[in-house]
N, C-alpha and C. Protein backbone atom coordinates (compact mmCIF):
# COMPACT_ATOMS: atom_id res chain seq x y z
N MET A 1 -122.00 -78.17 -198.96
CA MET A 1 -121.87 -79.44 -199.63
C MET A 1 -120.47 -79.97 -199.37
N THR A 2 -120.40 -81.19 -198.89
CA THR A 2 -119.10 -81.83 -198.68
C THR A 2 -119.09 -83.15 -199.43
N LEU A 3 -118.38 -83.16 -200.55
CA LEU A 3 -118.30 -84.35 -201.37
C LEU A 3 -117.06 -85.17 -201.06
N PHE A 4 -115.98 -84.47 -200.71
CA PHE A 4 -114.68 -85.12 -200.57
C PHE A 4 -114.52 -85.77 -199.21
N GLY A 5 -114.00 -86.98 -199.23
CA GLY A 5 -113.65 -87.68 -198.01
C GLY A 5 -112.15 -87.60 -197.81
N TYR A 6 -111.63 -88.55 -197.07
CA TYR A 6 -110.20 -88.60 -196.75
C TYR A 6 -109.33 -88.63 -198.00
N SER A 7 -109.73 -89.41 -198.99
CA SER A 7 -108.90 -89.56 -200.19
C SER A 7 -109.77 -89.50 -201.45
N GLY A 8 -110.39 -88.37 -201.67
CA GLY A 8 -111.22 -88.21 -202.86
C GLY A 8 -112.69 -88.26 -202.54
N ILE A 9 -113.47 -88.65 -203.54
CA ILE A 9 -114.92 -88.70 -203.42
C ILE A 9 -115.35 -90.17 -203.49
N PRO A 10 -115.72 -90.75 -202.36
CA PRO A 10 -116.14 -92.16 -202.36
C PRO A 10 -117.65 -92.29 -202.53
N GLY A 11 -118.09 -93.46 -202.92
CA GLY A 11 -119.52 -93.69 -202.99
C GLY A 11 -119.87 -95.10 -203.42
N THR A 12 -121.10 -95.47 -203.13
CA THR A 12 -121.64 -96.73 -203.61
C THR A 12 -122.06 -96.50 -205.06
N VAL A 13 -121.66 -97.38 -205.94
CA VAL A 13 -121.95 -97.19 -207.36
C VAL A 13 -123.42 -97.46 -207.62
N ASP A 14 -124.14 -96.39 -207.91
CA ASP A 14 -125.54 -96.44 -208.27
C ASP A 14 -125.82 -95.26 -209.19
N LYS A 15 -127.06 -95.06 -209.57
CA LYS A 15 -127.41 -93.98 -210.50
C LYS A 15 -126.98 -92.62 -209.96
N LYS A 16 -127.22 -92.39 -208.70
CA LYS A 16 -126.88 -91.10 -208.08
C LYS A 16 -125.36 -90.86 -208.11
N PHE A 17 -124.59 -91.90 -207.83
CA PHE A 17 -123.13 -91.74 -207.81
C PHE A 17 -122.59 -91.49 -209.23
N ILE A 18 -123.14 -92.20 -210.21
CA ILE A 18 -122.67 -91.98 -211.60
C ILE A 18 -123.03 -90.58 -212.07
N GLU A 19 -124.20 -90.09 -211.67
CA GLU A 19 -124.55 -88.71 -212.00
C GLU A 19 -123.59 -87.74 -211.31
N LEU A 20 -123.23 -88.02 -210.06
CA LEU A 20 -122.27 -87.18 -209.35
C LEU A 20 -120.91 -87.20 -210.05
N VAL A 21 -120.48 -88.39 -210.48
CA VAL A 21 -119.22 -88.50 -211.21
C VAL A 21 -119.25 -87.61 -212.44
N PHE A 22 -120.35 -87.63 -213.17
CA PHE A 22 -120.48 -86.79 -214.36
C PHE A 22 -120.37 -85.31 -213.98
N GLU A 23 -121.04 -84.90 -212.90
CA GLU A 23 -121.00 -83.51 -212.47
C GLU A 23 -119.60 -83.11 -212.00
N VAL A 24 -118.95 -83.99 -211.26
CA VAL A 24 -117.59 -83.68 -210.80
C VAL A 24 -116.69 -83.50 -212.01
N ARG A 25 -116.82 -84.36 -213.00
CA ARG A 25 -115.97 -84.27 -214.17
C ARG A 25 -116.26 -83.03 -214.98
N LEU A 26 -117.52 -82.63 -215.07
CA LEU A 26 -117.82 -81.37 -215.75
C LEU A 26 -117.14 -80.23 -215.02
N SER A 27 -117.21 -80.23 -213.69
CA SER A 27 -116.60 -79.15 -212.93
C SER A 27 -115.08 -79.17 -213.06
N VAL A 28 -114.48 -80.35 -213.12
CA VAL A 28 -113.03 -80.44 -213.34
C VAL A 28 -112.71 -79.93 -214.74
N GLY A 29 -113.52 -80.33 -215.73
CA GLY A 29 -113.29 -79.92 -217.11
C GLY A 29 -113.39 -78.42 -217.32
N ILE A 30 -114.19 -77.75 -216.51
CA ILE A 30 -114.32 -76.30 -216.60
C ILE A 30 -113.01 -75.63 -216.18
N SER A 31 -112.35 -76.20 -215.19
CA SER A 31 -111.14 -75.58 -214.63
C SER A 31 -109.83 -76.12 -215.20
N TYR A 32 -109.83 -77.35 -215.66
CA TYR A 32 -108.60 -78.00 -216.13
C TYR A 32 -108.83 -78.51 -217.55
N ARG A 33 -108.05 -78.03 -218.49
CA ARG A 33 -108.29 -78.32 -219.90
C ARG A 33 -107.52 -79.52 -220.42
N LEU A 34 -106.59 -80.05 -219.66
CA LEU A 34 -105.78 -81.19 -220.09
C LEU A 34 -105.70 -82.17 -218.93
N VAL A 35 -106.41 -83.29 -219.02
CA VAL A 35 -106.58 -84.20 -217.89
C VAL A 35 -106.27 -85.64 -218.30
N VAL A 36 -105.56 -86.35 -217.42
CA VAL A 36 -105.29 -87.77 -217.63
C VAL A 36 -106.14 -88.57 -216.63
N VAL A 37 -106.69 -89.69 -217.09
CA VAL A 37 -107.57 -90.51 -216.26
C VAL A 37 -107.02 -91.93 -216.19
N GLY A 38 -106.99 -92.47 -214.98
CA GLY A 38 -106.63 -93.86 -214.76
C GLY A 38 -107.68 -94.51 -213.88
N TYR A 39 -107.67 -95.82 -213.79
CA TYR A 39 -108.69 -96.50 -212.99
C TYR A 39 -108.19 -97.86 -212.56
N ASP A 40 -108.84 -98.39 -211.51
CA ASP A 40 -108.46 -99.70 -211.00
C ASP A 40 -109.28 -100.80 -211.68
N THR A 41 -109.16 -102.01 -211.15
CA THR A 41 -109.78 -103.17 -211.81
C THR A 41 -111.20 -103.48 -211.35
N ARG A 42 -111.80 -102.61 -210.58
CA ARG A 42 -113.18 -102.86 -210.15
C ARG A 42 -114.10 -102.93 -211.36
N ILE A 43 -115.12 -103.73 -211.27
CA ILE A 43 -116.07 -103.88 -212.37
C ILE A 43 -116.68 -102.54 -212.73
N SER A 44 -116.99 -101.70 -211.75
CA SER A 44 -117.65 -100.42 -212.01
C SER A 44 -116.70 -99.36 -212.58
N SER A 45 -115.40 -99.58 -212.51
CA SER A 45 -114.45 -98.54 -212.95
C SER A 45 -114.59 -98.22 -214.43
N ASN A 46 -114.89 -99.20 -215.25
CA ASN A 46 -115.02 -98.93 -216.68
C ASN A 46 -116.22 -98.01 -216.96
N ALA A 47 -117.34 -98.26 -216.30
CA ALA A 47 -118.52 -97.40 -216.48
C ALA A 47 -118.22 -95.99 -215.98
N LEU A 48 -117.56 -95.89 -214.83
CA LEU A 48 -117.22 -94.57 -214.29
C LEU A 48 -116.24 -93.85 -215.20
N LYS A 49 -115.30 -94.60 -215.76
CA LYS A 49 -114.33 -94.00 -216.68
C LYS A 49 -115.05 -93.33 -217.85
N HIS A 50 -116.03 -94.03 -218.41
CA HIS A 50 -116.74 -93.46 -219.56
C HIS A 50 -117.56 -92.23 -219.15
N ALA A 51 -118.18 -92.27 -217.98
CA ALA A 51 -118.92 -91.09 -217.49
C ALA A 51 -117.97 -89.93 -217.27
N PHE A 52 -116.83 -90.22 -216.69
CA PHE A 52 -115.84 -89.20 -216.40
C PHE A 52 -115.29 -88.58 -217.68
N ILE A 53 -114.85 -89.41 -218.61
CA ILE A 53 -114.28 -88.92 -219.86
C ILE A 53 -115.33 -88.16 -220.66
N SER A 54 -116.56 -88.66 -220.71
CA SER A 54 -117.63 -87.97 -221.44
C SER A 54 -117.86 -86.56 -220.88
N ALA A 55 -117.85 -86.45 -219.57
CA ALA A 55 -118.07 -85.14 -218.96
C ALA A 55 -116.90 -84.21 -219.24
N LEU A 56 -115.67 -84.71 -219.16
CA LEU A 56 -114.52 -83.86 -219.47
C LEU A 56 -114.60 -83.35 -220.91
N LEU A 57 -114.90 -84.24 -221.84
CA LEU A 57 -115.00 -83.85 -223.24
C LEU A 57 -116.15 -82.87 -223.45
N SER A 58 -117.26 -83.07 -222.73
CA SER A 58 -118.42 -82.17 -222.84
C SER A 58 -118.10 -80.78 -222.33
N ALA A 59 -117.16 -80.70 -221.39
CA ALA A 59 -116.76 -79.40 -220.85
C ALA A 59 -115.71 -78.72 -221.73
N GLY A 60 -115.24 -79.43 -222.75
CA GLY A 60 -114.25 -78.84 -223.65
C GLY A 60 -112.82 -79.18 -223.30
N SER A 61 -112.61 -80.09 -222.38
CA SER A 61 -111.26 -80.49 -222.00
C SER A 61 -110.70 -81.51 -222.99
N ARG A 62 -109.40 -81.62 -223.00
CA ARG A 62 -108.72 -82.69 -223.73
C ARG A 62 -108.43 -83.77 -222.70
N CYS A 63 -108.86 -84.98 -222.98
CA CYS A 63 -108.76 -86.05 -221.99
C CYS A 63 -107.96 -87.22 -222.54
N TYR A 64 -107.08 -87.75 -221.69
CA TYR A 64 -106.25 -88.89 -222.03
C TYR A 64 -106.57 -90.05 -221.09
N ASP A 65 -106.83 -91.21 -221.66
CA ASP A 65 -107.15 -92.42 -220.92
C ASP A 65 -105.87 -93.23 -220.75
N ALA A 66 -105.37 -93.31 -219.52
CA ALA A 66 -104.14 -94.06 -219.23
C ALA A 66 -104.42 -95.54 -218.99
N GLY A 67 -105.66 -95.93 -218.90
CA GLY A 67 -106.01 -97.33 -218.71
C GLY A 67 -105.99 -97.75 -217.26
N THR A 68 -105.96 -99.06 -217.06
CA THR A 68 -105.92 -99.63 -215.72
C THR A 68 -104.49 -99.53 -215.21
N ILE A 69 -104.30 -98.70 -214.20
CA ILE A 69 -102.96 -98.43 -213.67
C ILE A 69 -103.02 -98.24 -212.16
N PRO A 70 -101.89 -98.40 -211.46
CA PRO A 70 -101.84 -98.11 -210.03
C PRO A 70 -101.92 -96.59 -209.79
N THR A 71 -102.41 -96.22 -208.64
CA THR A 71 -102.53 -94.80 -208.30
C THR A 71 -101.20 -94.05 -208.39
N PRO A 72 -100.07 -94.59 -207.90
CA PRO A 72 -98.81 -93.85 -208.05
C PRO A 72 -98.42 -93.61 -209.51
N THR A 73 -98.79 -94.51 -210.40
CA THR A 73 -98.50 -94.32 -211.82
C THR A 73 -99.31 -93.16 -212.37
N LEU A 74 -100.58 -93.07 -211.97
CA LEU A 74 -101.40 -91.93 -212.39
C LEU A 74 -100.81 -90.63 -211.85
N ALA A 75 -100.40 -90.63 -210.59
CA ALA A 75 -99.82 -89.43 -209.99
C ALA A 75 -98.57 -88.99 -210.75
N TYR A 76 -97.75 -89.94 -211.17
CA TYR A 76 -96.55 -89.62 -211.94
C TYR A 76 -96.92 -89.14 -213.34
N ALA A 77 -97.89 -89.77 -213.97
CA ALA A 77 -98.33 -89.38 -215.32
C ALA A 77 -98.89 -87.96 -215.32
N ALA A 78 -99.49 -87.53 -214.23
CA ALA A 78 -100.12 -86.21 -214.16
C ALA A 78 -99.15 -85.07 -214.41
N ARG A 79 -97.85 -85.33 -214.30
CA ARG A 79 -96.87 -84.25 -214.48
C ARG A 79 -96.92 -83.65 -215.88
N LYS A 80 -97.48 -84.38 -216.85
CA LYS A 80 -97.59 -83.89 -218.23
C LYS A 80 -98.96 -83.28 -218.51
N PHE A 81 -99.79 -83.12 -217.48
CA PHE A 81 -101.16 -82.65 -217.65
C PHE A 81 -101.46 -81.56 -216.61
N GLU A 82 -102.61 -80.95 -216.74
CA GLU A 82 -103.04 -79.95 -215.75
C GLU A 82 -103.63 -80.62 -214.51
N ALA A 83 -104.16 -81.83 -214.68
CA ALA A 83 -104.75 -82.56 -213.55
C ALA A 83 -104.82 -84.04 -213.92
N GLY A 84 -104.93 -84.86 -212.88
CA GLY A 84 -105.11 -86.29 -213.05
C GLY A 84 -106.29 -86.75 -212.23
N ALA A 85 -106.94 -87.81 -212.69
CA ALA A 85 -108.07 -88.37 -211.96
C ALA A 85 -107.93 -89.89 -211.92
N MET A 86 -108.00 -90.43 -210.72
CA MET A 86 -107.92 -91.87 -210.53
C MET A 86 -109.27 -92.34 -210.02
N LEU A 87 -109.84 -93.32 -210.71
CA LEU A 87 -111.10 -93.92 -210.29
C LEU A 87 -110.75 -95.20 -209.54
N LYS A 88 -111.00 -95.19 -208.24
CA LYS A 88 -110.57 -96.32 -207.42
C LYS A 88 -111.33 -96.32 -206.10
N ALA A 89 -111.26 -97.43 -205.40
CA ALA A 89 -111.92 -97.52 -204.10
C ALA A 89 -111.05 -98.22 -203.06
N SER A 90 -109.81 -98.43 -203.38
CA SER A 90 -108.85 -99.03 -202.45
C SER A 90 -109.37 -100.30 -201.80
N HIS A 91 -109.49 -100.26 -200.49
CA HIS A 91 -109.83 -101.43 -199.69
C HIS A 91 -111.33 -101.59 -199.44
N ASN A 92 -112.16 -100.76 -200.06
CA ASN A 92 -113.60 -100.82 -199.81
C ASN A 92 -114.24 -102.02 -200.52
N PRO A 93 -115.43 -102.41 -200.08
CA PRO A 93 -116.15 -103.51 -200.71
C PRO A 93 -116.41 -103.23 -202.20
N PRO A 94 -116.72 -104.26 -202.99
CA PRO A 94 -116.82 -104.11 -204.45
C PRO A 94 -117.90 -103.16 -204.95
N GLN A 95 -118.92 -102.89 -204.15
CA GLN A 95 -119.98 -101.98 -204.60
C GLN A 95 -119.57 -100.51 -204.53
N TYR A 96 -118.39 -100.24 -203.99
CA TYR A 96 -117.90 -98.87 -203.85
C TYR A 96 -116.94 -98.54 -204.98
N ASN A 97 -116.82 -97.25 -205.24
CA ASN A 97 -115.79 -96.72 -206.11
C ASN A 97 -115.57 -95.28 -205.68
N GLY A 98 -114.66 -94.61 -206.32
CA GLY A 98 -114.38 -93.25 -205.92
C GLY A 98 -113.54 -92.53 -206.95
N ILE A 99 -113.34 -91.25 -206.69
CA ILE A 99 -112.57 -90.38 -207.57
C ILE A 99 -111.50 -89.70 -206.73
N LYS A 100 -110.26 -89.85 -207.14
CA LYS A 100 -109.16 -89.14 -206.50
C LYS A 100 -108.56 -88.21 -207.54
N LEU A 101 -108.49 -86.93 -207.22
CA LEU A 101 -107.97 -85.93 -208.15
C LEU A 101 -106.58 -85.49 -207.72
N CYS A 102 -105.70 -85.30 -208.70
CA CYS A 102 -104.34 -84.88 -208.34
C CYS A 102 -103.82 -83.79 -209.28
N ASN A 103 -102.83 -83.10 -208.79
CA ASN A 103 -102.16 -82.01 -209.49
C ASN A 103 -100.99 -82.56 -210.31
N PRO A 104 -100.39 -81.73 -211.15
CA PRO A 104 -99.25 -82.18 -211.94
C PRO A 104 -98.06 -82.68 -211.11
N ASP A 105 -97.94 -82.24 -209.88
CA ASP A 105 -96.84 -82.72 -209.03
C ASP A 105 -97.20 -84.02 -208.30
N GLY A 106 -98.39 -84.57 -208.59
CA GLY A 106 -98.82 -85.81 -207.98
C GLY A 106 -99.56 -85.64 -206.67
N SER A 107 -99.58 -84.43 -206.13
CA SER A 107 -100.28 -84.20 -204.86
C SER A 107 -101.79 -84.20 -205.08
N ALA A 108 -102.52 -84.58 -204.04
CA ALA A 108 -103.98 -84.55 -204.10
C ALA A 108 -104.46 -83.11 -204.17
N PHE A 109 -105.65 -82.92 -204.73
CA PHE A 109 -106.24 -81.59 -204.76
C PHE A 109 -106.29 -81.05 -203.33
N ASP A 110 -105.94 -79.79 -203.17
CA ASP A 110 -105.96 -79.18 -201.84
C ASP A 110 -107.38 -78.70 -201.51
N SER A 111 -107.55 -78.15 -200.33
CA SER A 111 -108.89 -77.75 -199.88
C SER A 111 -109.51 -76.69 -200.78
N ALA A 112 -108.71 -75.76 -201.28
CA ALA A 112 -109.25 -74.72 -202.17
C ALA A 112 -109.74 -75.32 -203.48
N GLN A 113 -109.01 -76.26 -204.03
CA GLN A 113 -109.43 -76.91 -205.27
C GLN A 113 -110.70 -77.74 -205.05
N ARG A 114 -110.75 -78.45 -203.93
CA ARG A 114 -111.95 -79.25 -203.62
C ARG A 114 -113.16 -78.34 -203.42
N GLU A 115 -112.96 -77.22 -202.71
CA GLU A 115 -114.06 -76.28 -202.50
C GLU A 115 -114.56 -75.70 -203.81
N ARG A 116 -113.65 -75.41 -204.73
CA ARG A 116 -114.03 -74.86 -206.03
C ARG A 116 -114.93 -75.85 -206.78
N ILE A 117 -114.57 -77.12 -206.78
CA ILE A 117 -115.38 -78.14 -207.45
C ILE A 117 -116.75 -78.24 -206.79
N GLU A 118 -116.78 -78.26 -205.47
CA GLU A 118 -118.06 -78.33 -204.76
C GLU A 118 -118.91 -77.09 -205.04
N GLU A 119 -118.27 -75.93 -205.15
CA GLU A 119 -118.99 -74.69 -205.46
C GLU A 119 -119.61 -74.74 -206.85
N ILE A 120 -118.86 -75.20 -207.84
CA ILE A 120 -119.38 -75.29 -209.20
C ILE A 120 -120.58 -76.24 -209.24
N ILE A 121 -120.46 -77.39 -208.58
CA ILE A 121 -121.57 -78.35 -208.55
C ILE A 121 -122.75 -77.78 -207.77
N GLY A 122 -122.48 -77.18 -206.62
CA GLY A 122 -123.55 -76.62 -205.80
C GLY A 122 -124.32 -75.51 -206.49
N ASN A 123 -123.62 -74.69 -207.28
CA ASN A 123 -124.26 -73.58 -208.00
C ASN A 123 -124.87 -74.03 -209.31
N ARG A 124 -124.69 -75.33 -209.64
CA ARG A 124 -125.19 -75.89 -210.89
C ARG A 124 -124.62 -75.14 -212.09
N ASP A 125 -123.37 -74.69 -211.94
CA ASP A 125 -122.66 -73.96 -212.99
C ASP A 125 -121.92 -74.95 -213.88
N LEU A 126 -122.66 -75.88 -214.46
CA LEU A 126 -122.07 -77.00 -215.20
C LEU A 126 -122.27 -76.84 -216.71
N GLY A 127 -121.91 -75.69 -217.22
CA GLY A 127 -122.09 -75.43 -218.63
C GLY A 127 -121.29 -76.36 -219.52
N LEU A 128 -121.85 -76.68 -220.68
CA LEU A 128 -121.18 -77.52 -221.64
C LEU A 128 -120.48 -76.65 -222.68
N ALA A 129 -119.42 -77.17 -223.23
CA ALA A 129 -118.72 -76.48 -224.30
C ALA A 129 -119.54 -76.63 -225.59
N SER A 130 -119.32 -75.73 -226.53
CA SER A 130 -119.99 -75.87 -227.82
C SER A 130 -119.36 -77.02 -228.59
N TRP A 131 -120.08 -77.58 -229.49
CA TRP A 131 -119.62 -78.75 -230.23
C TRP A 131 -118.32 -78.47 -230.99
N GLU A 132 -118.09 -77.21 -231.37
CA GLU A 132 -116.90 -76.88 -232.15
C GLU A 132 -115.59 -77.09 -231.38
N VAL A 133 -115.63 -77.01 -230.06
CA VAL A 133 -114.40 -77.14 -229.28
C VAL A 133 -114.24 -78.52 -228.64
N MET A 134 -115.27 -79.34 -228.74
CA MET A 134 -115.16 -80.69 -228.18
C MET A 134 -114.19 -81.52 -229.02
N GLU A 135 -113.41 -82.33 -228.34
CA GLU A 135 -112.41 -83.17 -229.00
C GLU A 135 -112.64 -84.63 -228.65
N PRO A 136 -112.06 -85.53 -229.44
CA PRO A 136 -112.16 -86.95 -229.08
C PRO A 136 -111.23 -87.26 -227.90
N SER A 137 -111.54 -88.32 -227.18
CA SER A 137 -110.61 -88.73 -226.13
C SER A 137 -109.40 -89.38 -226.79
N ARG A 138 -108.33 -89.43 -226.04
CA ARG A 138 -107.09 -90.02 -226.53
C ARG A 138 -106.62 -91.05 -225.50
N THR A 139 -105.74 -91.91 -225.91
CA THR A 139 -105.16 -92.85 -224.95
C THR A 139 -103.77 -92.36 -224.55
N TYR A 140 -103.32 -92.82 -223.42
CA TYR A 140 -101.99 -92.48 -222.91
C TYR A 140 -101.33 -93.77 -222.43
N PRO A 141 -101.00 -94.67 -223.37
CA PRO A 141 -100.47 -95.98 -222.99
C PRO A 141 -99.08 -95.95 -222.39
N GLU A 142 -98.34 -94.88 -222.57
CA GLU A 142 -96.97 -94.83 -222.07
C GLU A 142 -96.89 -94.52 -220.57
N ALA A 143 -98.01 -94.34 -219.90
CA ALA A 143 -97.99 -94.01 -218.47
C ALA A 143 -97.23 -95.04 -217.65
N ILE A 144 -97.48 -96.32 -217.89
CA ILE A 144 -96.83 -97.37 -217.10
C ILE A 144 -95.34 -97.43 -217.41
N GLU A 145 -94.99 -97.41 -218.68
CA GLU A 145 -93.57 -97.48 -219.07
C GLU A 145 -92.79 -96.28 -218.53
N ASP A 146 -93.37 -95.08 -218.61
CA ASP A 146 -92.70 -93.88 -218.08
C ASP A 146 -92.43 -94.03 -216.58
N HIS A 147 -93.41 -94.58 -215.86
CA HIS A 147 -93.27 -94.73 -214.42
C HIS A 147 -92.20 -95.78 -214.09
N ILE A 148 -92.21 -96.88 -214.81
CA ILE A 148 -91.19 -97.91 -214.60
C ILE A 148 -89.80 -97.34 -214.83
N GLU A 149 -89.62 -96.59 -215.93
CA GLU A 149 -88.32 -95.98 -216.22
C GLU A 149 -87.89 -95.04 -215.10
N ARG A 150 -88.84 -94.28 -214.57
CA ARG A 150 -88.54 -93.34 -213.48
C ARG A 150 -88.10 -94.08 -212.23
N VAL A 151 -88.80 -95.15 -211.88
CA VAL A 151 -88.46 -95.94 -210.70
C VAL A 151 -87.08 -96.58 -210.86
N LEU A 152 -86.81 -97.15 -212.02
CA LEU A 152 -85.50 -97.78 -212.26
C LEU A 152 -84.38 -96.76 -212.21
N ALA A 153 -84.60 -95.58 -212.79
CA ALA A 153 -83.57 -94.54 -212.76
C ALA A 153 -83.30 -94.09 -211.32
N GLU A 154 -84.36 -93.98 -210.53
CA GLU A 154 -84.18 -93.58 -209.12
C GLU A 154 -83.46 -94.66 -208.34
N MET A 155 -83.77 -95.92 -208.60
CA MET A 155 -83.06 -97.01 -207.92
C MET A 155 -81.58 -97.00 -208.27
N GLU A 156 -81.27 -96.81 -209.54
CA GLU A 156 -79.87 -96.76 -209.97
C GLU A 156 -79.14 -95.59 -209.30
N ARG A 157 -79.79 -94.43 -209.26
CA ARG A 157 -79.20 -93.26 -208.63
C ARG A 157 -78.89 -93.53 -207.15
N ARG A 158 -79.84 -94.14 -206.47
CA ARG A 158 -79.63 -94.44 -205.05
C ARG A 158 -78.54 -95.47 -204.82
N LEU A 159 -78.52 -96.50 -205.67
CA LEU A 159 -77.47 -97.51 -205.54
C LEU A 159 -76.09 -96.92 -205.82
N GLN A 160 -76.00 -96.04 -206.79
CA GLN A 160 -74.73 -95.38 -207.07
C GLN A 160 -74.30 -94.54 -205.86
N GLY A 161 -75.25 -93.88 -205.24
CA GLY A 161 -74.95 -93.09 -204.05
C GLY A 161 -74.44 -93.93 -202.90
N MET A 162 -74.79 -95.21 -202.89
CA MET A 162 -74.34 -96.12 -201.83
C MET A 162 -73.07 -96.87 -202.27
N GLY A 163 -72.59 -96.56 -203.50
CA GLY A 163 -71.38 -97.20 -203.99
C GLY A 163 -71.61 -98.64 -204.46
N ARG A 164 -72.85 -98.97 -204.79
CA ARG A 164 -73.16 -100.36 -205.19
C ARG A 164 -73.25 -100.55 -206.68
N VAL A 165 -73.23 -99.49 -207.45
CA VAL A 165 -73.29 -99.60 -208.90
C VAL A 165 -72.11 -98.81 -209.46
N PRO A 166 -71.34 -99.43 -210.34
CA PRO A 166 -70.17 -98.74 -210.87
C PRO A 166 -70.53 -97.55 -211.72
């Protein structure tokens, strides 16, 4: 089974893709207990977000919704979590969407992590957590502000290094 493309898991948004999103999220939730989710402005992103968050919560993960944010902001926000997930389709036509998974350092899931998710889905090892450990989703509104502060601090540091800021 090969689900992952060049930059995550792409697909045309239909019943099969939303079911796949749910399965991917269950498999992520089995391995990662603290996950932040962001998404782009595509019409389908909101539906995918809910499928994704529902699956994470069903697997017993704690999930934070960062809202509509750019991919680099999600990658930066992931540093406070075990994993990050961006629902996006970049330059593809509007009927497409996708899932990009990242590590706390902002890097994309490596081949071993992708294979593990594909293995869990392929083996249908998608067990749900018991109701006692399921938690409500939370929001993470500070993702954008944290990223802006980081970018500004880095710009100031670089300008000081060039002797342009006192």
